[in-house]
Protein backbone atom coordinates (compact mmCIF):
# COMPACT_ATOMS: atom_id res chain seq x y z
CA MET A 1 2.60 1.64 0.88
CA GLY A 2 2.00 2.73 4.44
CA ALA A 3 -1.04 0.48 4.67
CA TYR A 4 0.98 -2.39 3.20
CA PHE A 5 3.76 -1.89 5.72
CA ALA A 6 1.25 -1.74 8.59
CA ALA A 7 -0.61 -4.84 7.38
CA THR A 8 2.57 -6.88 7.08
CA SER A 9 3.95 -5.76 10.43
CA TRP A 10 3.07 -7.15 13.82
CA ARG A 11 -0.45 -8.19 14.64
CA GLY A 12 -2.17 -8.38 17.97
CA PRO A 13 -1.13 -6.24 20.93
CA GLU A 14 2.04 -5.09 19.13
CA PHE A 15 0.04 -3.58 16.26
CA PRO A 16 0.44 0.07 17.44
CA LEU A 17 4.20 -0.41 17.37
CA GLY A 18 3.87 -1.85 13.87
CA VAL A 19 1.92 1.23 12.76
CA ILE A 20 4.63 3.53 14.12
CA LEU A 21 7.31 1.50 12.32
CA ALA A 22 5.20 1.57 9.15
CA LEU A 23 5.11 5.38 9.33
CA GLY A 24 8.89 5.48 9.49
CA ALA A 25 9.27 2.99 6.64
CA THR A 26 6.84 4.97 4.50
CA LEU A 27 8.76 8.18 5.21
CA LEU A 28 12.03 6.56 4.14
CA LEU A 29 10.45 5.11 1.02
CA GLY A 30 9.03 8.52 0.10
CA ILE A 31 12.41 10.21 0.52
CA VAL A 32 14.15 7.57 -1.60
CA LEU A 33 11.52 7.78 -4.33
CA GLU A 34 11.75 11.57 -4.33
CA PHE A 35 15.48 11.52 -4.98
CA VAL A 36 15.60 8.50 -7.28
CA ALA A 37 12.47 8.82 -9.40
CA CYS A 38 10.83 12.22 -9.06
CA GLY A 39 13.72 14.54 -8.28
CA ILE A 40 15.43 13.96 -11.60
CA LEU A 41 12.27 15.01 -13.46
CA TYR A 42 12.14 18.58 -12.13
CA GLY A 43 12.36 21.06 -14.98
CA ARG A 44 10.87 18.61 -17.48
CA ASP A 45 7.39 18.42 -18.93
CA HIS A 46 4.56 17.60 -16.53
CA LEU A 47 3.64 14.52 -18.58
CA ASP A 48 6.99 13.01 -17.61
CA HIS A 49 5.92 13.31 -13.97
CA VAL A 50 2.57 11.71 -14.73
CA LEU A 51 4.18 8.78 -16.52
CA ALA A 52 6.77 8.28 -13.78
CA THR A 53 4.25 8.31 -10.95
CA SER A 54 1.92 6.00 -12.89
CA ALA A 55 4.80 3.57 -13.37
CA LEU A 56 5.65 3.76 -9.66
CA ILE A 57 2.03 2.94 -8.80
CA LEU A 58 2.04 -0.08 -11.13
CA PHE A 59 5.35 -1.37 -9.80
CA SER A 60 4.37 -0.93 -6.16
CA ARG A 61 0.98 -2.62 -6.61
CA ARG A 62 2.54 -5.55 -8.46
CA GLY A 63 5.33 -5.84 -5.91
CA ALA A 64 2.87 -5.79 -3.03
CA ALA A 65 0.79 -8.48 -4.71
CA ASP A 66 3.82 -10.67 -5.40
CA LEU A 67 5.63 -10.22 -2.09
CA GLY A 68 2.76 -9.60 0.28
CA PRO A 69 0.71 -11.97 2.36
CA ALA A 70 -2.11 -13.89 0.76
CA GLY A 71 -5.58 -12.46 1.11
CA LEU A 72 -7.74 -13.48 4.00
CA ALA A 73 -10.43 -16.05 3.24
CA LEU A 74 -13.68 -15.06 4.90
CA PRO A 75 -16.73 -17.33 4.89
CA LEU A 76 -19.84 -15.96 3.22
CA PRO A 77 -22.88 -15.33 5.39
CA PRO A 78 -25.92 -17.52 4.79
CA ALA A 79 -28.08 -16.39 1.86
CA ASP A 80 -31.28 -16.23 3.95
CA GLY A 81 -29.73 -13.54 6.17
CA CYS A 82 -30.31 -10.96 3.42
CA ARG A 83 -34.11 -11.26 3.40
CA SER A 84 -36.20 -8.69 5.15
CA ARG A 85 -37.79 -9.95 8.36
CA SER A 86 -41.24 -8.48 8.15
């Protein structure tokens, strides 16, 4: 999530500020998730923790894909650039 926050924050010369803000946002998200999702599972079976964290991973990946910026389109290099030049 930290990488997602940094990638969706400012670009260009303000990027270091965006990284610092992404660190703070990731810290807050971690604290919230600890209390909301993981904290209530203490004292239960370890498989409950595994299932909860797996669900959090699935939800966060899907949310990032749905809400995040579209991927960058990069042109492919020419095919003859892969040949050895001997």
